[in-house]
Amino acid sequence: MSDATAAESRDRRPRSSSAPDLNAIRLTVADGVAVAEIDNGPVNLLTVELFADLRALPDHLEHNTDARVLVLRSANPHFFIAHYDVAQILDFPVDDAPVRGTELTGFHKMCERYRTMAIPTICEIDGRVGGGGGEFSASCDMRFGTVGKTTLCQMEVPLGILPGGSGTQRLPSLLGRGRAMEIVLGGDDIDAATLENWGWLNRALPPGDLRPFVDRLADRIAGFPPAAVSRAKASVLAAQPDPTEGLLTEAFLFQETLRHPSSHQAMANFLERGGQTVDGELRVGALGAELGPDGAAADTAADTAADTAADTAADTADER
């Protein structure tokens, strides 16, 4: 049986549904391939519920299934994972002064779990991904996307914060310092062709080719000796430096940004302007540019322009 035929037949076979209590992920496992399909609201927001599912999944796969490779994909045709829930970030405690920790944050631990777990992790990104979703994806072993559709936006800096879920540490390793700076500081949409050229995506495939390609690759890996696969992955990871110190610094600096007044203004303004809605998230790069350097400057300029227009209209009416 060819690899392509194997992938097609795997799609037709019933899959097991044994899984922990998952609220935002549908998990199936068959022939050594685990498929985790993310389905969490209109934009696949990285909420507390989705975070809990992502955190629970690796242990379940390693201890309760015969999974030899994990594919993560989305049930949403437009979004893989939009970003972390900004409304929840606004509720993070900020009364005490930030302290550089000695242990990784919960989100960092979750991302590291996917990076280091024994089985390979593949992200099938057939839509938009950003913020914490981009950081999670960059922590996985491989990422594949669709030309003209897959888009990355690390939109944290326009919101007055920084990518605090491993993004500032993953991106330089994947892309180099200059391109990491463009993605982090620019906070703009990056298209699939550029992401492939820069190395964030393994491949950007033509529309319609993404899922067959990922299924074929996952079937191939699942068909190889598991001991060789896991040790080959561990050996590749050994070529990279331990990210712990960098992640601790990132977490501390993220806490510092949370305590600056501009961050809360920018995040609140982001939500008011349509952030976390479908329309807003489909233009999240442009939306970020509207927030201004203090999170309210763009509003002030818009209000001034509106007031000027209203005054002009009133004067014209009076002259008539």
C-alpha atoms as a PDB file:
ATOM      1  CA  MET A   1       0.000   0.000   0.000  1.00  0.00           C
ATOM      2  CA  SER A   2       1.385   3.448  -0.943  1.00  0.00           C
ATOM      3  CA  ASP A   3       1.758   6.210   1.633  1.00  0.00           C
ATOM      4  CA  ALA A   4      -1.033   8.218  -0.016  1.00  0.00           C
ATOM      5  CA  THR A   5      -3.358   5.208  -0.008  1.00  0.00           C
ATOM      6  CA  ALA A   6      -2.524   4.546   3.624  1.00  0.00           C
ATOM      7  CA  ALA A   7      -3.475   8.113   4.550  1.00  0.00           C
ATOM      8  CA  GLU A   8      -6.773   7.849   2.653  1.00  0.00           C
ATOM      9  CA  SER A   9      -7.656   4.517   4.263  1.00  0.00           C
ATOM     10  CA  ARG A  10      -6.779   5.883   7.709  1.00  0.00           C
ATOM     11  CA  ASP A  11      -9.294   8.701   7.184  1.00  0.00           C
ATOM     12  CA  ARG A  12     -11.994   6.111   6.420  1.00  0.00           C
ATOM     13  CA  ARG A  13     -11.326   3.849   9.395  1.00  0.00           C
ATOM     14  CA  PRO A  14     -13.107   4.484  12.698  1.00  0.00           C
ATOM     15  CA  ARG A  15     -10.812   5.939  15.314  1.00  0.00           C
ATOM     16  CA  SER A  16     -10.738   5.484  19.049  1.00  0.00           C
ATOM     17  CA  SER A  17     -12.262   8.272  21.146  1.00  0.00           C
ATOM     18  CA  SER A  18     -10.776   7.364  24.531  1.00  0.00           C
ATOM     19  CA  ALA A  19      -9.588  10.651  26.018  1.00  0.00           C
ATOM     20  CA  PRO A  20      -9.441  12.675  29.217  1.00  0.00           C
ATOM     21  CA  ASP A  21     -12.177  15.228  29.825  1.00  0.00           C
ATOM     22  CA  LEU A  22     -11.420  17.658  27.013  1.00  0.00           C
ATOM     23  CA  ASN A  23     -13.583  20.720  26.447  1.00  0.00           C
ATOM     24  CA  ALA A  24     -11.980  22.395  23.455  1.00  0.00           C
ATOM     25  CA  ILE A  25     -10.206  19.515  21.670  1.00  0.00           C
ATOM     26  CA  ARG A  26     -11.533  16.428  19.911  1.00  0.00           C
ATOM     27  CA  LEU A  27      -8.986  13.630  20.158  1.00  0.00           C
ATOM     28  CA  THR A  28      -8.814  10.531  18.002  1.00  0.00           C
ATOM     29  CA  VAL A  29      -6.059   7.902  17.820  1.00  0.00           C
ATOM     30  CA  ALA A  30      -5.629   5.256  15.146  1.00  0.00           C
ATOM     31  CA  ASP A  31      -2.653   3.304  13.799  1.00  0.00           C
ATOM     32  CA  GLY A  32      -0.253   5.233  16.010  1.00  0.00           C
ATOM     33  CA  VAL A  33      -1.421   8.671  14.813  1.00  0.00           C
ATOM     34  CA  ALA A  34      -3.140  10.958  17.327  1.00  0.00           C
ATOM     35  CA  VAL A  35      -5.168  13.812  15.869  1.00  0.00           C
ATOM     36  CA  ALA A  36      -6.118  16.660  18.210  1.00  0.00           C
ATOM     37  CA  GLU A  37      -8.693  18.908  16.546  1.00  0.00           C
ATOM     38  CA  ILE A  38      -9.034  22.296  18.238  1.00  0.00           C
ATOM     39  CA  ASP A  39     -12.581  23.664  18.380  1.00  0.00           C
ATOM     40  CA  ASN A  40     -12.931  26.583  20.767  1.00  0.00           C
ATOM     41  CA  GLY A  41     -15.365  29.267  19.700  1.00  0.00           C
ATOM     42  CA  PRO A  42     -15.430  31.599  16.705  1.00  0.00           C
ATOM     43  CA  VAL A  43     -11.655  32.324  16.594  1.00  0.00           C
ATOM     44  CA  ASN A  44     -10.196  29.395  18.573  1.00  0.00           C
ATOM     45  CA  LEU A  45      -9.180  31.707  21.384  1.00  0.00           C
ATOM     46  CA  LEU A  46      -6.587  30.268  23.761  1.00  0.00           C
ATOM     47  CA  THR A  47      -8.812  30.341  26.819  1.00  0.00           C
ATOM     48  CA  VAL A  48      -8.329  28.730  30.215  1.00  0.00           C
ATOM     49  CA  GLU A  49     -10.289  25.735  28.928  1.00  0.00           C
ATOM     50  CA  LEU A  50      -8.130  25.237  25.839  1.00  0.00           C
ATOM     51  CA  PHE A  51      -4.973  25.744  27.882  1.00  0.00           C
ATOM     52  CA  ALA A  52      -6.118  23.034  30.321  1.00  0.00           C
ATOM     53  CA  ASP A  53      -6.773  20.657  27.414  1.00  0.00           C
ATOM     54  CA  LEU A  54      -3.371  21.318  25.847  1.00  0.00           C
ATOM     55  CA  ARG A  55      -1.686  20.800  29.203  1.00  0.00           C
ATOM     56  CA  ALA A  56      -3.445  17.471  29.828  1.00  0.00           C
ATOM     57  CA  LEU A  57      -2.971  16.003  26.371  1.00  0.00           C
ATOM     58  CA  PRO A  58       0.727  14.935  26.375  1.00  0.00           C
ATOM     59  CA  ASP A  59       0.499  12.828  29.536  1.00  0.00           C
ATOM     60  CA  HIS A  60      -2.637  11.134  28.262  1.00  0.00           C
ATOM     61  CA  LEU A  61      -1.071  10.305  24.913  1.00  0.00           C
ATOM     62  CA  GLU A  62       2.135   8.953  26.406  1.00  0.00           C
ATOM     63  CA  HIS A  63       0.551   6.860  29.155  1.00  0.00           C
ATOM     64  CA  ASN A  64      -2.864   5.827  27.857  1.00  0.00           C
ATOM     65  CA  THR A  65      -2.576   5.389  24.085  1.00  0.00           C
ATOM     66  CA  ASP A  66      -0.328   3.845  21.463  1.00  0.00           C
ATOM     67  CA  ALA A  67       0.203   7.218  19.787  1.00  0.00           C
ATOM     68  CA  ARG A  68       3.548   7.521  18.037  1.00  0.00           C
ATOM     69  CA  VAL A  69       2.980  10.951  16.467  1.00  0.00           C
ATOM     70  CA  LEU A  70       0.634  13.858  17.255  1.00  0.00           C
ATOM     71  CA  VAL A  71      -1.071  16.053  14.660  1.00  0.00           C
ATOM     72  CA  LEU A  72      -2.732  19.256  15.868  1.00  0.00           C
ATOM     73  CA  ARG A  73      -5.294  20.823  13.540  1.00  0.00           C
ATOM     74  CA  SER A  74      -8.318  23.079  13.753  1.00  0.00           C
ATOM     75  CA  ALA A  75     -12.027  22.567  13.181  1.00  0.00           C
ATOM     76  CA  ASN A  76     -12.229  26.281  12.321  1.00  0.00           C
ATOM     77  CA  PRO A  77     -11.662  27.088   8.617  1.00  0.00           C
ATOM     78  CA  HIS A  78     -10.154  30.509   9.398  1.00  0.00           C
ATOM     79  CA  PHE A  79      -8.203  30.156  12.662  1.00  0.00           C
ATOM     80  CA  PHE A  80      -5.739  27.645  14.097  1.00  0.00           C
ATOM     81  CA  ILE A  81      -5.357  29.451  17.440  1.00  0.00           C
ATOM     82  CA  ALA A  82      -5.974  33.217  17.468  1.00  0.00           C
ATOM     83  CA  HIS A  83      -4.026  34.106  20.640  1.00  0.00           C
ATOM     84  CA  TYR A  84      -4.342  34.001  24.420  1.00  0.00           C
ATOM     85  CA  ASP A  85      -7.511  35.497  25.910  1.00  0.00           C
ATOM     86  CA  VAL A  86      -6.730  39.213  26.312  1.00  0.00           C
ATOM     87  CA  ALA A  87      -9.666  39.698  28.676  1.00  0.00           C
ATOM     88  CA  GLN A  88      -8.064  37.196  31.037  1.00  0.00           C
ATOM     89  CA  ILE A  89      -4.648  38.867  30.745  1.00  0.00           C
ATOM     90  CA  LEU A  90      -6.309  42.093  31.911  1.00  0.00           C
ATOM     91  CA  ASP A  91      -7.267  40.242  35.103  1.00  0.00           C
ATOM     92  CA  PHE A  92      -3.722  39.030  35.867  1.00  0.00           C
ATOM     93  CA  PRO A  93      -2.645  40.342  39.302  1.00  0.00           C
ATOM     94  CA  VAL A  94      -0.297  43.335  39.077  1.00  0.00           C
ATOM     95  CA  ASP A  95      -0.354  44.797  42.594  1.00  0.00           C
ATOM     96  CA  ASP A  96       3.038  43.435  43.647  1.00  0.00           C
ATOM     97  CA  ALA A  97       6.343  44.313  42.025  1.00  0.00           C
ATOM     98  CA  PRO A  98       7.519  41.760  39.436  1.00  0.00           C
ATOM     99  CA  VAL A  99      10.094  39.230  40.608  1.00  0.00           C
ATOM    100  CA  ARG A 100      12.284  37.079  38.371  1.00  0.00           C
ATOM    101  CA  GLY A 101      11.164  33.541  39.127  1.00  0.00           C
ATOM    102  CA  THR A 102      13.192  30.388  39.496  1.00  0.00           C
ATOM    103  CA  GLU A 103      10.588  28.084  37.924  1.00  0.00           C
ATOM    104  CA  LEU A 104       8.924  28.224  34.536  1.00  0.00           C
ATOM    105  CA  THR A 105       5.390  29.570  34.276  1.00  0.00           C
ATOM    106  CA  GLY A 106       2.521  27.200  33.586  1.00  0.00           C
ATOM    107  CA  PHE A 107       2.342  28.280  29.953  1.00  0.00           C
ATOM    108  CA  HIS A 108       6.093  27.839  29.489  1.00  0.00           C
ATOM    109  CA  LYS A 109       5.897  24.371  31.029  1.00  0.00           C
ATOM    110  CA  MET A 110       3.086  23.426  28.664  1.00  0.00           C
ATOM    111  CA  CYS A 111       5.027  24.617  25.602  1.00  0.00           C
ATOM    112  CA  GLU A 112       8.180  22.848  26.773  1.00  0.00           C
ATOM    113  CA  ARG A 113       6.173  19.651  27.243  1.00  0.00           C
ATOM    114  CA  TYR A 114       5.261  19.609  23.545  1.00  0.00           C
ATOM    115  CA  ARG A 115       8.810  20.485  22.524  1.00  0.00           C
ATOM    116  CA  THR A 116      10.349  17.677  24.561  1.00  0.00           C
ATOM    117  CA  MET A 117       7.696  14.939  24.643  1.00  0.00           C
ATOM    118  CA  ALA A 118       8.826  11.620  23.191  1.00  0.00           C
ATOM    119  CA  ILE A 119       6.506  11.628  20.183  1.00  0.00           C
ATOM    120  CA  PRO A 120       6.822  14.143  17.327  1.00  0.00           C
ATOM    121  CA  THR A 121       4.341  17.026  17.232  1.00  0.00           C
ATOM    122  CA  ILE A 122       3.032  18.441  13.945  1.00  0.00           C
ATOM    123  CA  CYS A 123       0.910  21.592  13.589  1.00  0.00           C
ATOM    124  CA  GLU A 124      -1.377  21.729  10.553  1.00  0.00           C
ATOM    125  CA  ILE A 125      -2.063  25.480  10.338  1.00  0.00           C
ATOM    126  CA  ASP A 126      -4.734  26.096   7.723  1.00  0.00           C
ATOM    127  CA  GLY A 127      -5.591  29.650   8.763  1.00  0.00           C
ATOM    128  CA  ARG A 128      -4.544  32.386  11.158  1.00  0.00           C
ATOM    129  CA  VAL A 129      -2.365  31.860  14.208  1.00  0.00           C
ATOM    130  CA  GLY A 130      -0.967  34.429  16.586  1.00  0.00           C
ATOM    131  CA  GLY A 131       0.033  35.446  20.095  1.00  0.00           C
ATOM    132  CA  GLY A 132       0.117  32.450  22.405  1.00  0.00           C
ATOM    133  CA  GLY A 133      -1.062  30.260  19.537  1.00  0.00           C
ATOM    134  CA  GLY A 134       2.017  31.213  17.562  1.00  0.00           C
ATOM    135  CA  GLU A 135       4.234  30.554  20.566  1.00  0.00           C
ATOM    136  CA  PHE A 136       2.647  27.144  21.113  1.00  0.00           C
ATOM    137  CA  SER A 137       3.043  26.280  17.426  1.00  0.00           C
ATOM    138  CA  ALA A 138       6.698  27.319  17.435  1.00  0.00           C
ATOM    139  CA  SER A 139       7.259  24.987  20.402  1.00  0.00           C
ATOM    140  CA  CYS A 140       6.071  21.991  18.388  1.00  0.00           C
ATOM    141  CA  ASP A 141       8.395  20.042  16.120  1.00  0.00           C
ATOM    142  CA  MET A 142       6.944  20.897  12.706  1.00  0.00           C
ATOM    143  CA  ARG A 143       4.532  23.417  11.206  1.00  0.00           C
ATOM    144  CA  PHE A 144       2.837  23.213   7.810  1.00  0.00           C
ATOM    145  CA  GLY A 145       0.527  25.752   6.205  1.00  0.00           C
ATOM    146  CA  THR A 146      -1.414  26.775   3.117  1.00  0.00           C
ATOM    147  CA  VAL A 147      -0.279  29.333   0.552  1.00  0.00           C
ATOM    148  CA  GLY A 148      -2.539  32.375   0.584  1.00  0.00           C
ATOM    149  CA  LYS A 149      -4.217  31.390   3.854  1.00  0.00           C
ATOM    150  CA  THR A 150      -1.828  30.650   6.708  1.00  0.00           C
ATOM    151  CA  THR A 151      -0.923  33.869   8.534  1.00  0.00           C
ATOM    152  CA  LEU A 152       1.118  34.519  11.684  1.00  0.00           C
ATOM    153  CA  CYS A 153       0.741  37.645  13.813  1.00  0.00           C
ATOM    154  CA  GLN A 154       2.615  38.048  17.089  1.00  0.00           C
ATOM    155  CA  MET A 155       0.357  40.904  18.136  1.00  0.00           C
ATOM    156  CA  GLU A 156       1.548  41.440  21.704  1.00  0.00           C
ATOM    157  CA  VAL A 157       3.770  44.544  21.396  1.00  0.00           C
ATOM    158  CA  PRO A 158       0.963  46.686  19.898  1.00  0.00           C
ATOM    159  CA  LEU A 159      -1.057  45.680  22.989  1.00  0.00           C
ATOM    160  CA  GLY A 160       1.661  47.017  25.296  1.00  0.00           C
ATOM    161  CA  ILE A 161       3.057  43.634  26.308  1.00  0.00           C
ATOM    162  CA  LEU A 162       5.498  41.127  24.804  1.00  0.00           C
ATOM    163  CA  PRO A 163       5.249  37.514  23.628  1.00  0.00           C
ATOM    164  CA  GLY A 164       5.471  36.025  27.114  1.00  0.00           C
ATOM    165  CA  GLY A 165       4.695  32.401  26.292  1.00  0.00           C
ATOM    166  CA  SER A 166       8.116  31.514  24.772  1.00  0.00           C
ATOM    167  CA  GLY A 167       7.900  33.602  21.573  1.00  0.00           C
ATOM    168  CA  THR A 168      10.920  35.811  22.230  1.00  0.00           C
ATOM    169  CA  GLN A 169      12.995  32.671  22.810  1.00  0.00           C
ATOM    170  CA  ARG A 170      11.681  30.422  20.031  1.00  0.00           C
ATOM    171  CA  LEU A 171      11.726  32.900  17.159  1.00  0.00           C
ATOM    172  CA  PRO A 172      15.454  33.809  17.193  1.00  0.00           C
ATOM    173  CA  SER A 173      16.299  30.101  17.179  1.00  0.00           C
ATOM    174  CA  LEU A 174      13.950  29.401  14.275  1.00  0.00           C
ATOM    175  CA  LEU A 175      14.487  32.520  12.166  1.00  0.00           C
ATOM    176  CA  GLY A 176      17.514  34.453  13.380  1.00  0.00           C
ATOM    177  CA  ARG A 177      17.608  37.678  15.362  1.00  0.00           C
ATOM    178  CA  GLY A 178      16.619  40.137  12.628  1.00  0.00           C
ATOM    179  CA  ARG A 179      13.534  38.283  11.447  1.00  0.00           C
ATOM    180  CA  ALA A 180      12.503  37.546  15.039  1.00  0.00           C
ATOM    181  CA  MET A 181      12.700  41.272  15.743  1.00  0.00           C
ATOM    182  CA  GLU A 182      10.533  42.060  12.721  1.00  0.00           C
ATOM    183  CA  ILE A 183       7.841  39.616  13.829  1.00  0.00           C
ATOM    184  CA  VAL A 184       7.923  40.593  17.522  1.00  0.00           C
ATOM    185  CA  LEU A 185       8.351  44.362  17.205  1.00  0.00           C
ATOM    186  CA  GLY A 186       6.364  44.807  13.983  1.00  0.00           C
ATOM    187  CA  GLY A 187       3.325  42.970  15.347  1.00  0.00           C
ATOM    188  CA  ASP A 188       2.006  42.571  11.811  1.00  0.00           C
ATOM    189  CA  ASP A 189       0.604  39.784   9.646  1.00  0.00           C
ATOM    190  CA  ILE A 190       3.220  37.527   8.049  1.00  0.00           C
ATOM    191  CA  ASP A 191       2.007  35.488   5.063  1.00  0.00           C
ATOM    192  CA  ALA A 192       2.595  31.808   4.386  1.00  0.00           C
ATOM    193  CA  ALA A 193       5.150  32.281   1.602  1.00  0.00           C
ATOM    194  CA  THR A 194       7.293  34.483   3.837  1.00  0.00           C
ATOM    195  CA  LEU A 195       6.921  32.103   6.781  1.00  0.00           C
ATOM    196  CA  GLU A 196       8.135  29.220   4.624  1.00  0.00           C
ATOM    197  CA  ASN A 197      11.037  31.264   3.259  1.00  0.00           C
ATOM    198  CA  TRP A 198      12.068  32.315   6.768  1.00  0.00           C
ATOM    199  CA  GLY A 199      11.763  28.813   8.226  1.00  0.00           C
ATOM    200  CA  TRP A 200       8.771  29.257  10.540  1.00  0.00           C
ATOM    201  CA  LEU A 201       6.773  26.914   8.301  1.00  0.00           C
ATOM    202  CA  ASN A 202       8.366  23.687   7.105  1.00  0.00           C
ATOM    203  CA  ARG A 203       6.321  24.043   3.922  1.00  0.00           C
ATOM    204  CA  ALA A 204       3.555  26.260   2.567  1.00  0.00           C
ATOM    205  CA  LEU A 205       1.455  23.979   0.392  1.00  0.00           C
ATOM    206  CA  PRO A 206      -1.082  24.767  -2.345  1.00  0.00           C
ATOM    207  CA  PRO A 207      -4.737  24.973  -1.248  1.00  0.00           C
ATOM    208  CA  GLY A 208      -6.147  21.484  -0.791  1.00  0.00           C
ATOM    209  CA  ASP A 209      -2.755  19.811  -0.377  1.00  0.00           C
ATOM    210  CA  LEU A 210      -2.100  20.535   3.302  1.00  0.00           C
ATOM    211  CA  ARG A 211      -4.084  17.769   4.982  1.00  0.00           C
ATOM    212  CA  PRO A 212      -3.076  14.956   2.591  1.00  0.00           C
ATOM    213  CA  PHE A 213       0.576  15.951   3.012  1.00  0.00           C
ATOM    214  CA  VAL A 214       0.395  16.053   6.822  1.00  0.00           C
ATOM    215  CA  ASP A 215      -1.528  12.757   6.965  1.00  0.00           C
ATOM    216  CA  ARG A 216       1.055  11.077   4.750  1.00  0.00           C
ATOM    217  CA  LEU A 217       3.957  12.369   6.851  1.00  0.00           C
ATOM    218  CA  ALA A 218       2.284  11.355  10.110  1.00  0.00           C
ATOM    219  CA  ASP A 219       1.582   7.852   8.740  1.00  0.00           C
ATOM    220  CA  ARG A 220       5.205   7.468   7.661  1.00  0.00           C
ATOM    221  CA  ILE A 221       6.564   8.487  11.063  1.00  0.00           C
ATOM    222  CA  ALA A 222       4.072   6.268  12.890  1.00  0.00           C
ATOM    223  CA  GLY A 223       5.221   3.346  10.754  1.00  0.00           C
ATOM    224  CA  PHE A 224       8.864   3.601  11.855  1.00  0.00           C
ATOM    225  CA  PRO A 225      10.376   2.003  15.012  1.00  0.00           C
ATOM    226  CA  PRO A 226       9.178   4.176  17.937  1.00  0.00           C
ATOM    227  CA  ALA A 227      12.466   3.845  19.814  1.00  0.00           C
ATOM    228  CA  ALA A 228      14.352   5.245  16.823  1.00  0.00           C
ATOM    229  CA  VAL A 229      11.860   8.081  16.346  1.00  0.00           C
ATOM    230  CA  SER A 230      11.929   9.210  19.976  1.00  0.00           C
ATOM    231  CA  ARG A 231      15.710   9.027  20.237  1.00  0.00           C
ATOM    232  CA  ALA A 232      16.211  10.811  16.931  1.00  0.00           C
ATOM    233  CA  LYS A 233      13.974  13.633  18.171  1.00  0.00           C
ATOM    234  CA  ALA A 234      15.861  13.797  21.478  1.00  0.00           C
ATOM    235  CA  SER A 235      19.165  13.961  19.618  1.00  0.00           C
ATOM    236  CA  VAL A 236      17.982  16.856  17.444  1.00  0.00           C
ATOM    237  CA  LEU A 237      16.817  18.705  20.561  1.00  0.00           C
ATOM    238  CA  ALA A 238      20.235  18.160  22.144  1.00  0.00           C
ATOM    239  CA  ALA A 239      21.704  20.422  19.452  1.00  0.00           C
ATOM    240  CA  GLN A 240      19.799  23.362  20.929  1.00  0.00           C
ATOM    241  CA  PRO A 241      20.743  25.194  24.142  1.00  0.00           C
ATOM    242  CA  ASP A 242      18.598  24.854  27.249  1.00  0.00           C
ATOM    243  CA  PRO A 243      15.969  27.627  26.975  1.00  0.00           C
ATOM    244  CA  THR A 244      15.206  27.830  30.711  1.00  0.00           C
ATOM    245  CA  GLU A 245      17.146  31.000  31.560  1.00  0.00           C
ATOM    246  CA  GLY A 246      15.768  32.833  28.556  1.00  0.00           C
ATOM    247  CA  LEU A 247      12.213  31.785  29.402  1.00  0.00           C
ATOM    248  CA  LEU A 248      12.646  33.019  32.988  1.00  0.00           C
ATOM    249  CA  THR A 249      13.851  36.386  31.692  1.00  0.00           C
ATOM    250  CA  GLU A 250      10.948  36.552  29.241  1.00  0.00           C
ATOM    251  CA  ALA A 251       8.445  35.864  32.038  1.00  0.00           C
ATOM    252  CA  PHE A 252       9.940  38.615  34.210  1.00  0.00           C
ATOM    253  CA  LEU A 253       9.916  41.196  31.410  1.00  0.00           C
ATOM    254  CA  PHE A 254       6.348  40.220  30.525  1.00  0.00           C
ATOM    255  CA  GLN A 255       5.334  40.913  34.128  1.00  0.00           C
ATOM    256  CA  GLU A 256       7.025  44.308  33.889  1.00  0.00           C
ATOM    257  CA  THR A 257       5.011  45.246  30.799  1.00  0.00           C
ATOM    258  CA  LEU A 258       1.773  44.251  32.527  1.00  0.00           C
ATOM    259  CA  ARG A 259       2.428  46.883  35.183  1.00  0.00           C
ATOM    260  CA  HIS A 260       2.780  49.755  32.732  1.00  0.00           C
ATOM    261  CA  PRO A 261      -0.416  51.833  32.362  1.00  0.00           C
ATOM    262  CA  SER A 262      -0.170  51.792  28.567  1.00  0.00           C
ATOM    263  CA  SER A 263      -0.568  48.010  28.422  1.00  0.00           C
ATOM    264  CA  HIS A 264      -3.957  47.967  30.133  1.00  0.00           C
ATOM    265  CA  GLN A 265      -5.140  50.883  28.001  1.00  0.00           C
ATOM    266  CA  ALA A 266      -3.970  49.193  24.797  1.00  0.00           C
ATOM    267  CA  MET A 267      -5.517  45.824  25.659  1.00  0.00           C
ATOM    268  CA  ALA A 268      -8.827  47.399  26.640  1.00  0.00           C
ATOM    269  CA  ASN A 269      -8.777  49.461  23.447  1.00  0.00           C
ATOM    270  CA  PHE A 270      -8.018  46.322  21.433  1.00  0.00           C
ATOM    271  CA  LEU A 271     -11.118  44.619  22.809  1.00  0.00           C
ATOM    272  CA  GLU A 272     -13.273  47.715  22.252  1.00  0.00           C
ATOM    273  CA  ARG A 273     -12.164  47.910  18.613  1.00  0.00           C
ATOM    274  CA  GLY A 274     -13.139  44.315  17.844  1.00  0.00           C
ATOM    275  CA  GLY A 275     -10.318  42.170  19.155  1.00  0.00           C
ATOM    276  CA  GLN A 276     -11.434  38.569  19.797  1.00  0.00           C
ATOM    277  CA  THR A 277     -14.274  38.894  17.277  1.00  0.00           C
ATOM    278  CA  VAL A 278     -14.077  37.231  13.876  1.00  0.00           C
ATOM    279  CA  ASP A 279     -13.967  40.521  11.975  1.00  0.00           C
ATOM    280  CA  GLY A 280     -11.341  41.996  14.284  1.00  0.00           C
ATOM    281  CA  GLU A 281      -9.123  38.937  14.264  1.00  0.00           C
ATOM    282  CA  LEU A 282      -9.187  38.660  10.474  1.00  0.00           C
ATOM    283  CA  ARG A 283      -7.443  42.086  10.430  1.00  0.00           C
ATOM    284  CA  VAL A 284      -5.541  41.818  13.687  1.00  0.00           C
ATOM    285  CA  GLY A 285      -2.301  43.203  12.244  1.00  0.00           C
ATOM    286  CA  ALA A 286      -4.069  46.358  11.060  1.00  0.00           C
ATOM    287  CA  LEU A 287      -6.033  46.552  14.295  1.00  0.00           C
ATOM    288  CA  GLY A 288      -2.823  46.597  16.315  1.00  0.00           C
ATOM    289  CA  ALA A 289      -1.535  49.572  14.321  1.00  0.00           C
ATOM    290  CA  GLU A 290      -4.597  51.574  15.363  1.00  0.00           C
ATOM    291  CA  LEU A 291      -3.822  51.401  19.085  1.00  0.00           C
ATOM    292  CA  GLY A 292      -1.047  53.999  19.206  1.00  0.00           C
ATOM    293  CA  PRO A 293       2.038  54.290  21.441  1.00  0.00           C
ATOM    294  CA  ASP A 294       0.076  54.763  24.672  1.00  0.00           C
ATOM    295  CA  GLY A 295      -2.867  52.564  23.779  1.00  0.00           C
ATOM    296  CA  ALA A 296      -5.179  55.559  23.506  1.00  0.00           C
ATOM    297  CA  ALA A 297      -3.411  57.882  21.048  1.00  0.00           C
ATOM    298  CA  ALA A 298      -5.218  56.488  18.041  1.00  0.00           C
ATOM    299  CA  ASP A 299      -8.537  56.975  19.792  1.00  0.00           C
ATOM    300  CA  THR A 300      -7.606  60.549  20.639  1.00  0.00           C
ATOM    301  CA  ALA A 301      -6.676  61.290  17.033  1.00  0.00           C
ATOM    302  CA  ALA A 302      -9.864  59.690  15.767  1.00  0.00           C
ATOM    303  CA  ASP A 303     -11.969  61.617  18.262  1.00  0.00           C
ATOM    304  CA  THR A 304     -10.258  64.880  17.281  1.00  0.00           C
ATOM    305  CA  ALA A 305     -10.883  64.218  13.594  1.00  0.00           C
ATOM    306  CA  ALA A 306     -14.513  63.359  14.295  1.00  0.00           C
ATOM    307  CA  ASP A 307     -14.972  66.509  16.394  1.00  0.00           C
ATOM    308  CA  THR A 308     -13.384  68.644  13.677  1.00  0.00           C
ATOM    309  CA  ALA A 309     -15.663  67.145  11.037  1.00  0.00           C
ATOM    310  CA  ALA A 310     -18.697  67.730  13.231  1.00  0.00           C
ATOM    311  CA  ASP A 311     -17.704  71.355  13.886  1.00  0.00           C
ATOM    312  CA  THR A 312     -17.170  71.967  10.175  1.00  0.00           C
ATOM    313  CA  ALA A 313     -20.552  70.503   9.338  1.00  0.00           C
ATOM    314  CA  ALA A 314     -22.202  72.670  11.988  1.00  0.00           C
ATOM    315  CA  ASP A 315     -20.480  75.819  10.711  1.00  0.00           C
ATOM    316  CA  THR A 316     -21.550  75.037   7.162  1.00  0.00           C
ATOM    317  CA  ALA A 317     -25.119  74.517   8.301  1.00  0.00           C
ATOM    318  CA  ASP A 318     -25.075  77.861  10.139  1.00  0.00           C
ATOM    319  CA  GLU A 319     -23.767  79.681   7.056  1.00  0.00           C
ATOM    320  CA  ARG A 320     -26.600  78.272   5.033  1.00  0.00           C
END
